Amino acid sequence: MKMLKNKRLLVGICSVAIIGTIGLGLSNSSQADGTNKKEQLENLKKEEQRLKAKLESNQQLLQSESTQEKSEREQDEINIKKIGIEAGTLQDEIYAPDPRAKLEENIKSLKGVMETKSYYEKLKNDPKHGKEYARAAEILQLKKKTLAEIELNFKEGKKSIEQLTKDFEKLKAIQELTTGN
């Protein structure tokens, strides 16, 4: 068991060293050319996979882990998130997303989200919050109508992608229910 703890400690130290190295590399990314950014992205992805594999291999030991091991695991989880964010940002720098494809994806996604909120209609008769749900159902219907217009304009090319994206962002920001409920 002591050997396992020493091994974990060594892996933890190596992880911190690698992440530190990657972090330093990213701080100089403004000077790096496309090839270096691609290499950095590949290194980030490899490190993320390595940390995920480490966490998965230690799943069976969660019940008996020490405070230090728990702390190391939590730090690894935080590092995975940080690496994922850095990799996503770097990937967007290298491979700029197509605004048209991104808008199309966002429209599809918002449609799905709005479909899950169809329960507002069923809750209009709620004795305590019925009025709020009725108003939310109305707002949701207006949002669906507006989204359908944005989608039609997108398909028919009646407005620029930039304008449609602005319209979409405004629509997405509208809340059906206020947070005070």
C-alpha atoms as a PDB file:
ATOM      1  CA  MET A   1       0.000   0.000   0.000  1.00  0.00           C
ATOM      2  CA  LYS A   2       2.911   2.331   0.806  1.00  0.00           C
ATOM      3  CA  MET A   3       4.345   1.691  -2.674  1.00  0.00           C
ATOM      4  CA  LEU A   4       0.987   2.658  -4.206  1.00  0.00           C
ATOM      5  CA  LYS A   5       0.997   5.916  -2.237  1.00  0.00           C
ATOM      6  CA  ASN A   6       4.555   6.677  -3.358  1.00  0.00           C
ATOM      7  CA  LYS A   7       3.603   5.929  -6.945  1.00  0.00           C
ATOM      8  CA  ARG A   8       0.588   8.255  -6.702  1.00  0.00           C
ATOM      9  CA  LEU A   9       2.742  10.983  -5.208  1.00  0.00           C
ATOM     10  CA  LEU A  10       5.271  10.610  -8.026  1.00  0.00           C
ATOM     11  CA  VAL A  11       2.521  10.694 -10.658  1.00  0.00           C
ATOM     12  CA  GLY A  12       1.043  13.787  -8.977  1.00  0.00           C
ATOM     13  CA  ILE A  13       4.386  15.568  -8.995  1.00  0.00           C
ATOM     14  CA  CYS A  14       4.940  14.657 -12.643  1.00  0.00           C
ATOM     15  CA  SER A  15       1.444  15.907 -13.499  1.00  0.00           C
ATOM     16  CA  VAL A  16       2.107  19.259 -11.887  1.00  0.00           C
ATOM     17  CA  ALA A  17       5.438  19.532 -13.710  1.00  0.00           C
ATOM     18  CA  ILE A  18       3.879  18.699 -17.078  1.00  0.00           C
ATOM     19  CA  ILE A  19       0.973  21.075 -16.566  1.00  0.00           C
ATOM     20  CA  GLY A  20       3.397  23.795 -15.518  1.00  0.00           C
ATOM     21  CA  THR A  21       5.430  23.210 -18.648  1.00  0.00           C
ATOM     22  CA  ILE A  22       2.323  23.308 -20.807  1.00  0.00           C
ATOM     23  CA  GLY A  23       1.176  26.474 -19.039  1.00  0.00           C
ATOM     24  CA  LEU A  24       4.490  28.174 -19.722  1.00  0.00           C
ATOM     25  CA  GLY A  25       4.260  27.090 -23.329  1.00  0.00           C
ATOM     26  CA  LEU A  26       0.785  28.561 -23.619  1.00  0.00           C
ATOM     27  CA  SER A  27       1.875  31.863 -22.111  1.00  0.00           C
ATOM     28  CA  ASN A  28       4.186  32.249 -25.099  1.00  0.00           C
ATOM     29  CA  SER A  29       1.521  31.125 -27.566  1.00  0.00           C
ATOM     30  CA  SER A  30       1.100  34.623 -28.966  1.00  0.00           C
ATOM     31  CA  GLN A  31       4.624  34.253 -30.387  1.00  0.00           C
ATOM     32  CA  ALA A  32       4.070  30.721 -31.632  1.00  0.00           C
ATOM     33  CA  ASP A  33       3.209  29.984 -35.221  1.00  0.00           C
ATOM     34  CA  GLY A  34       0.451  27.619 -36.358  1.00  0.00           C
ATOM     35  CA  THR A  35       2.659  24.530 -36.137  1.00  0.00           C
ATOM     36  CA  ASN A  36       3.639  25.233 -32.538  1.00  0.00           C
ATOM     37  CA  LYS A  37      -0.004  25.828 -31.613  1.00  0.00           C
ATOM     38  CA  LYS A  38      -0.923  22.494 -33.160  1.00  0.00           C
ATOM     39  CA  GLU A  39       1.827  20.805 -31.164  1.00  0.00           C
ATOM     40  CA  GLN A  40       0.625  22.524 -27.996  1.00  0.00           C
ATOM     41  CA  LEU A  41      -2.917  21.402 -28.708  1.00  0.00           C
ATOM     42  CA  GLU A  42      -1.750  17.825 -29.213  1.00  0.00           C
ATOM     43  CA  ASN A  43       0.236  17.952 -25.946  1.00  0.00           C
ATOM     44  CA  LEU A  44      -2.776  19.317 -24.078  1.00  0.00           C
ATOM     45  CA  LYS A  45      -4.979  16.544 -25.425  1.00  0.00           C
ATOM     46  CA  LYS A  46      -2.427  13.894 -24.466  1.00  0.00           C
ATOM     47  CA  GLU A  47      -2.085  15.295 -20.945  1.00  0.00           C
ATOM     48  CA  GLU A  48      -5.851  15.449 -20.558  1.00  0.00           C
ATOM     49  CA  GLN A  49      -6.175  11.802 -21.630  1.00  0.00           C
ATOM     50  CA  ARG A  50      -3.374  10.763 -19.279  1.00  0.00           C
ATOM     51  CA  LEU A  51      -5.003  12.475 -16.309  1.00  0.00           C
ATOM     52  CA  LYS A  52      -8.391  10.984 -17.151  1.00  0.00           C
ATOM     53  CA  ALA A  53      -6.856   7.528 -17.366  1.00  0.00           C
ATOM     54  CA  LYS A  54      -5.141   8.065 -14.012  1.00  0.00           C
ATOM     55  CA  LEU A  55      -8.427   9.075 -12.380  1.00  0.00           C
ATOM     56  CA  GLU A  56     -10.267   6.129 -13.906  1.00  0.00           C
ATOM     57  CA  SER A  57      -7.615   3.661 -12.750  1.00  0.00           C
ATOM     58  CA  ASN A  58      -7.941   4.944  -9.180  1.00  0.00           C
ATOM     59  CA  GLN A  59     -11.748   4.737  -9.007  1.00  0.00           C
ATOM     60  CA  GLN A  60     -11.744   1.526  -6.968  1.00  0.00           C
ATOM     61  CA  LEU A  61      -9.534   3.157  -4.314  1.00  0.00           C
ATOM     62  CA  LEU A  62     -11.868   6.100  -3.610  1.00  0.00           C
ATOM     63  CA  GLN A  63     -13.240   4.565  -0.418  1.00  0.00           C
ATOM     64  CA  SER A  64      -9.830   4.112   1.161  1.00  0.00           C
ATOM     65  CA  GLU A  65      -7.987   7.175  -0.095  1.00  0.00           C
ATOM     66  CA  SER A  66      -6.154   9.396   2.349  1.00  0.00           C
ATOM     67  CA  THR A  67      -6.681  13.126   2.660  1.00  0.00           C
ATOM     68  CA  GLN A  68      -3.566  13.756   0.575  1.00  0.00           C
ATOM     69  CA  GLU A  69      -4.715  11.335  -2.117  1.00  0.00           C
ATOM     70  CA  LYS A  70      -8.150  12.956  -2.157  1.00  0.00           C
ATOM     71  CA  SER A  71      -6.501  16.352  -2.518  1.00  0.00           C
ATOM     72  CA  GLU A  72      -4.352  15.064  -5.393  1.00  0.00           C
ATOM     73  CA  ARG A  73      -7.421  13.572  -7.111  1.00  0.00           C
ATOM     74  CA  GLU A  74      -9.331  16.827  -6.756  1.00  0.00           C
ATOM     75  CA  GLN A  75      -6.346  18.744  -8.150  1.00  0.00           C
ATOM     76  CA  ASP A  76      -6.191  16.345 -11.108  1.00  0.00           C
ATOM     77  CA  GLU A  77      -9.897  16.949 -11.751  1.00  0.00           C
ATOM     78  CA  ILE A  78      -9.317  20.710 -11.698  1.00  0.00           C
ATOM     79  CA  ASN A  79      -6.322  20.318 -14.029  1.00  0.00           C
ATOM     80  CA  ILE A  80      -8.413  18.284 -16.476  1.00  0.00           C
ATOM     81  CA  LYS A  81     -10.957  21.095 -16.624  1.00  0.00           C
ATOM     82  CA  LYS A  82      -8.265  23.748 -17.090  1.00  0.00           C
ATOM     83  CA  ILE A  83      -6.577  21.736 -19.815  1.00  0.00           C
ATOM     84  CA  GLY A  84      -9.915  21.211 -21.563  1.00  0.00           C
ATOM     85  CA  ILE A  85     -10.599  24.943 -21.556  1.00  0.00           C
ATOM     86  CA  GLU A  86      -7.092  25.769 -22.787  1.00  0.00           C
ATOM     87  CA  ALA A  87      -7.317  23.118 -25.506  1.00  0.00           C
ATOM     88  CA  GLY A  88     -10.713  24.412 -26.637  1.00  0.00           C
ATOM     89  CA  THR A  89      -9.446  27.975 -26.830  1.00  0.00           C
ATOM     90  CA  LEU A  90      -6.337  26.909 -28.704  1.00  0.00           C
ATOM     91  CA  GLN A  91      -8.370  24.759 -31.085  1.00  0.00           C
ATOM     92  CA  ASP A  92     -10.610  27.751 -31.850  1.00  0.00           C
ATOM     93  CA  GLU A  93      -7.493  29.824 -32.586  1.00  0.00           C
ATOM     94  CA  ILE A  94      -6.092  27.194 -34.934  1.00  0.00           C
ATOM     95  CA  TYR A  95      -9.320  26.097 -36.555  1.00  0.00           C
ATOM     96  CA  ALA A  96     -11.644  29.103 -36.459  1.00  0.00           C
ATOM     97  CA  PRO A  97     -15.215  27.818 -36.393  1.00  0.00           C
ATOM     98  CA  ASP A  98     -17.328  28.546 -39.450  1.00  0.00           C
ATOM     99  CA  PRO A  99     -19.885  31.165 -38.340  1.00  0.00           C
ATOM    100  CA  ARG A 100     -22.515  29.613 -40.582  1.00  0.00           C
ATOM    101  CA  ALA A 101     -22.020  26.125 -39.150  1.00  0.00           C
ATOM    102  CA  LYS A 102     -21.894  27.509 -35.614  1.00  0.00           C
ATOM    103  CA  LEU A 103     -25.188  29.380 -36.075  1.00  0.00           C
ATOM    104  CA  GLU A 104     -26.806  26.289 -37.550  1.00  0.00           C
ATOM    105  CA  GLU A 105     -25.632  24.234 -34.564  1.00  0.00           C
ATOM    106  CA  ASN A 106     -26.848  26.885 -32.104  1.00  0.00           C
ATOM    107  CA  ILE A 107     -30.290  26.987 -33.719  1.00  0.00           C
ATOM    108  CA  LYS A 108     -30.600  23.224 -33.492  1.00  0.00           C
ATOM    109  CA  SER A 109     -29.432  23.248 -29.870  1.00  0.00           C
ATOM    110  CA  LEU A 110     -31.841  25.986 -28.785  1.00  0.00           C
ATOM    111  CA  LYS A 111     -34.722  24.173 -30.473  1.00  0.00           C
ATOM    112  CA  GLY A 112     -33.934  21.118 -28.347  1.00  0.00           C
ATOM    113  CA  VAL A 113     -33.721  23.160 -25.170  1.00  0.00           C
ATOM    114  CA  MET A 114     -37.028  24.848 -25.865  1.00  0.00           C
ATOM    115  CA  GLU A 115     -38.701  21.498 -26.481  1.00  0.00           C
ATOM    116  CA  THR A 116     -37.670  20.348 -23.020  1.00  0.00           C
ATOM    117  CA  LYS A 117     -39.406  23.409 -21.560  1.00  0.00           C
ATOM    118  CA  SER A 118     -42.813  22.445 -22.960  1.00  0.00           C
ATOM    119  CA  TYR A 119     -43.800  21.492 -19.416  1.00  0.00           C
ATOM    120  CA  TYR A 120     -44.598  25.182 -18.719  1.00  0.00           C
ATOM    121  CA  GLU A 121     -47.878  24.689 -20.549  1.00  0.00           C
ATOM    122  CA  LYS A 122     -48.821  21.781 -18.279  1.00  0.00           C
ATOM    123  CA  LEU A 123     -48.026  23.743 -15.122  1.00  0.00           C
ATOM    124  CA  LYS A 124     -50.272  26.734 -15.881  1.00  0.00           C
ATOM    125  CA  ASN A 125     -52.845  25.385 -13.401  1.00  0.00           C
ATOM    126  CA  ASP A 126     -50.340  25.151 -10.565  1.00  0.00           C
ATOM    127  CA  PRO A 127     -52.030  26.798  -7.540  1.00  0.00           C
ATOM    128  CA  LYS A 128     -48.913  28.558  -6.323  1.00  0.00           C
ATOM    129  CA  HIS A 129     -47.003  29.526  -9.507  1.00  0.00           C
ATOM    130  CA  GLY A 130     -49.605  29.067 -12.250  1.00  0.00           C
ATOM    131  CA  LYS A 131     -49.417  32.690 -13.430  1.00  0.00           C
ATOM    132  CA  GLU A 132     -45.639  32.545 -13.752  1.00  0.00           C
ATOM    133  CA  TYR A 133     -45.809  29.285 -15.701  1.00  0.00           C
ATOM    134  CA  ALA A 134     -48.545  30.695 -17.962  1.00  0.00           C
ATOM    135  CA  ARG A 135     -46.345  33.728 -18.702  1.00  0.00           C
ATOM    136  CA  ALA A 136     -43.324  31.457 -19.256  1.00  0.00           C
ATOM    137  CA  ALA A 137     -45.369  29.365 -21.722  1.00  0.00           C
ATOM    138  CA  GLU A 138     -46.290  32.554 -23.640  1.00  0.00           C
ATOM    139  CA  ILE A 139     -42.678  33.713 -23.745  1.00  0.00           C
ATOM    140  CA  LEU A 140     -41.570  30.254 -24.867  1.00  0.00           C
ATOM    141  CA  GLN A 141     -44.081  30.296 -27.736  1.00  0.00           C
ATOM    142  CA  LEU A 142     -42.814  33.720 -28.836  1.00  0.00           C
ATOM    143  CA  LYS A 143     -39.238  32.462 -28.664  1.00  0.00           C
ATOM    144  CA  LYS A 144     -40.150  29.443 -30.802  1.00  0.00           C
ATOM    145  CA  LYS A 145     -41.776  31.714 -33.373  1.00  0.00           C
ATOM    146  CA  THR A 146     -38.770  34.039 -33.439  1.00  0.00           C
ATOM    147  CA  LEU A 147     -36.362  31.118 -33.728  1.00  0.00           C
ATOM    148  CA  ALA A 148     -38.379  29.762 -36.652  1.00  0.00           C
ATOM    149  CA  GLU A 149     -38.051  33.177 -38.354  1.00  0.00           C
ATOM    150  CA  ILE A 150     -34.290  33.225 -37.740  1.00  0.00           C
ATOM    151  CA  GLU A 151     -34.010  29.699 -39.134  1.00  0.00           C
ATOM    152  CA  LEU A 152     -36.054  30.601 -42.227  1.00  0.00           C
ATOM    153  CA  ASN A 153     -33.963  33.713 -42.856  1.00  0.00           C
ATOM    154  CA  PHE A 154     -30.849  31.578 -42.415  1.00  0.00           C
ATOM    155  CA  LYS A 155     -32.006  28.942 -44.910  1.00  0.00           C
ATOM    156  CA  GLU A 156     -33.189  31.509 -47.454  1.00  0.00           C
ATOM    157  CA  GLY A 157     -30.183  33.800 -46.972  1.00  0.00           C
ATOM    158  CA  LYS A 158     -32.394  36.850 -46.343  1.00  0.00           C
ATOM    159  CA  LYS A 159     -30.062  38.299 -43.688  1.00  0.00           C
ATOM    160  CA  SER A 160     -26.329  38.189 -43.116  1.00  0.00           C
ATOM    161  CA  ILE A 161     -24.879  35.540 -40.818  1.00  0.00           C
ATOM    162  CA  GLU A 162     -23.621  38.319 -38.539  1.00  0.00           C
ATOM    163  CA  GLN A 163     -27.115  39.818 -38.190  1.00  0.00           C
ATOM    164  CA  LEU A 164     -28.733  36.426 -37.684  1.00  0.00           C
ATOM    165  CA  THR A 165     -26.143  35.593 -35.026  1.00  0.00           C
ATOM    166  CA  LYS A 166     -26.947  38.857 -33.208  1.00  0.00           C
ATOM    167  CA  ASP A 167     -30.668  38.104 -33.441  1.00  0.00           C
ATOM    168  CA  PHE A 168     -30.025  34.604 -32.132  1.00  0.00           C
ATOM    169  CA  GLU A 169     -27.952  35.853 -29.175  1.00  0.00           C
ATOM    170  CA  LYS A 170     -30.703  38.333 -28.211  1.00  0.00           C
ATOM    171  CA  LEU A 171     -33.289  35.568 -28.402  1.00  0.00           C
ATOM    172  CA  LYS A 172     -31.177  33.163 -26.371  1.00  0.00           C
ATOM    173  CA  ALA A 173     -30.765  35.766 -23.608  1.00  0.00           C
ATOM    174  CA  ILE A 174     -34.525  36.020 -23.013  1.00  0.00           C
ATOM    175  CA  GLN A 175     -35.524  34.119 -19.871  1.00  0.00           C
ATOM    176  CA  GLU A 176     -38.947  32.508 -19.609  1.00  0.00           C
ATOM    177  CA  LEU A 177     -38.972  32.412 -15.823  1.00  0.00           C
ATOM    178  CA  THR A 178     -37.375  34.949 -13.542  1.00  0.00           C
ATOM    179  CA  THR A 179     -34.841  33.649 -11.050  1.00  0.00           C
ATOM    180  CA  GLY A 180     -36.918  34.885  -8.120  1.00  0.00           C
ATOM    181  CA  ASN A 181     -39.309  31.883  -8.388  1.00  0.00           C
END
